[in-house]
């Protein structure tokens, strides 16, 4: 996979996080607190500058009231469909 493709994937994931965060009316700081992550790390994720680990992806998804698979579907352009009960 080329560096350009990896960057595009990170940017799509970051866009999905940002869209969902805004849907929930959360600030970056509020989401970071819910996910137990630093705000600047979350900001980097939203801008596509970080490649989150599975643990971080799961924390972010659950803080957005989604299962990790649903957040990944959003990043791929599909519907989220399910919450993180």
Protein backbone atom coordinates (compact mmCIF):
# COMPACT_ATOMS: atom_id res chain seq x y z
CA UNK A 1 0.00 0.00 0.00
CA UNK A 2 1.42 3.38 -0.98
CA UNK A 3 1.95 6.20 1.50
CA UNK A 4 -0.77 8.15 -0.32
CA UNK A 5 -3.32 5.35 0.18
CA UNK A 6 -2.42 5.01 3.87
CA UNK A 7 -2.89 8.77 4.29
CA UNK A 8 -6.28 8.64 2.51
CA UNK A 9 -7.46 5.86 4.83
CA UNK A 10 -6.41 7.83 7.92
CA UNK A 11 -8.13 10.95 6.58
CA UNK A 12 -11.40 9.09 5.92
CA UNK A 13 -11.29 7.62 9.42
CA UNK A 14 -10.61 11.05 10.90
CA UNK A 15 -13.48 12.56 8.92
CA UNK A 16 -15.82 9.86 10.24
CA UNK A 17 -14.74 10.55 13.82
CA UNK A 18 -15.26 14.29 13.36
CA UNK A 19 -18.69 13.89 11.75
CA UNK A 20 -19.94 11.56 14.48
CA UNK A 21 -18.47 13.76 17.23
CA UNK A 22 -20.31 16.77 15.82
CA UNK A 23 -23.55 14.75 15.47
CA UNK A 24 -23.32 14.06 19.19
CA UNK A 25 -22.56 17.70 19.97
CA UNK A 26 -19.20 16.88 21.53
CA UNK A 27 -16.08 19.01 21.53
CA UNK A 28 -12.73 17.36 20.87
CA UNK A 29 -12.00 17.78 24.56
CA UNK A 30 -15.29 16.15 25.53
CA UNK A 31 -14.71 13.19 23.22
CA UNK A 32 -11.13 12.83 24.44
CA UNK A 33 -12.35 12.69 28.04
CA UNK A 34 -14.97 10.06 27.18
CA UNK A 35 -12.36 8.01 25.29
CA UNK A 36 -9.63 8.47 27.94
CA UNK A 37 -7.29 9.89 25.32
CA UNK A 38 -5.41 13.18 25.11
CA UNK A 39 -7.17 15.95 23.17
CA UNK A 40 -4.15 16.60 20.93
CA UNK A 41 -3.99 12.88 20.03
CA UNK A 42 -7.67 12.96 19.06
CA UNK A 43 -7.09 16.13 17.04
CA UNK A 44 -4.28 14.36 15.17
CA UNK A 45 -6.59 11.39 14.49
CA UNK A 46 -9.29 13.70 13.08
CA UNK A 47 -6.74 15.37 10.79
CA UNK A 48 -5.42 12.02 9.54
CA UNK A 49 -2.02 12.52 11.14
CA UNK A 50 -2.26 9.47 13.42
CA UNK A 51 -2.89 5.81 12.74
CA UNK A 52 -4.78 4.72 15.87
CA UNK A 53 -4.14 1.32 17.42
CA UNK A 54 -7.01 -1.13 17.79
CA UNK A 55 -7.24 -0.15 21.46
CA UNK A 56 -7.52 3.56 20.60
CA UNK A 57 -9.97 2.88 17.77
CA UNK A 58 -12.15 0.92 20.20
CA UNK A 59 -12.00 3.68 22.81
CA UNK A 60 -12.93 6.32 20.24
CA UNK A 61 -15.78 4.24 18.82
CA UNK A 62 -17.28 3.47 22.22
CA UNK A 63 -16.98 7.13 23.24
CA UNK A 64 -18.98 7.91 20.07
CA UNK A 65 -21.63 5.34 21.12
CA UNK A 66 -20.61 3.01 18.30
CA UNK A 67 -19.05 -0.40 17.96
CA UNK A 68 -15.61 -0.27 16.29
CA UNK A 69 -16.99 -2.00 13.19
CA UNK A 70 -19.69 0.66 12.86
CA UNK A 71 -17.11 3.45 13.02
CA UNK A 72 -15.08 1.72 10.32
CA UNK A 73 -18.22 1.44 8.16
CA UNK A 74 -18.70 5.20 8.55
CA UNK A 75 -15.12 5.73 7.42
CA UNK A 76 -15.85 3.61 4.36
CA UNK A 77 -18.87 5.78 3.58
CA UNK A 78 -21.58 3.40 4.80
CA UNK A 79 -24.15 3.67 7.57
CA UNK A 80 -23.12 3.03 11.19
CA UNK A 81 -26.34 1.08 11.96
CA UNK A 82 -25.61 0.03 15.53
CA UNK A 83 -24.68 1.59 18.85
CA UNK A 84 -22.24 0.43 21.50
CA UNK A 85 -24.97 -0.59 23.95
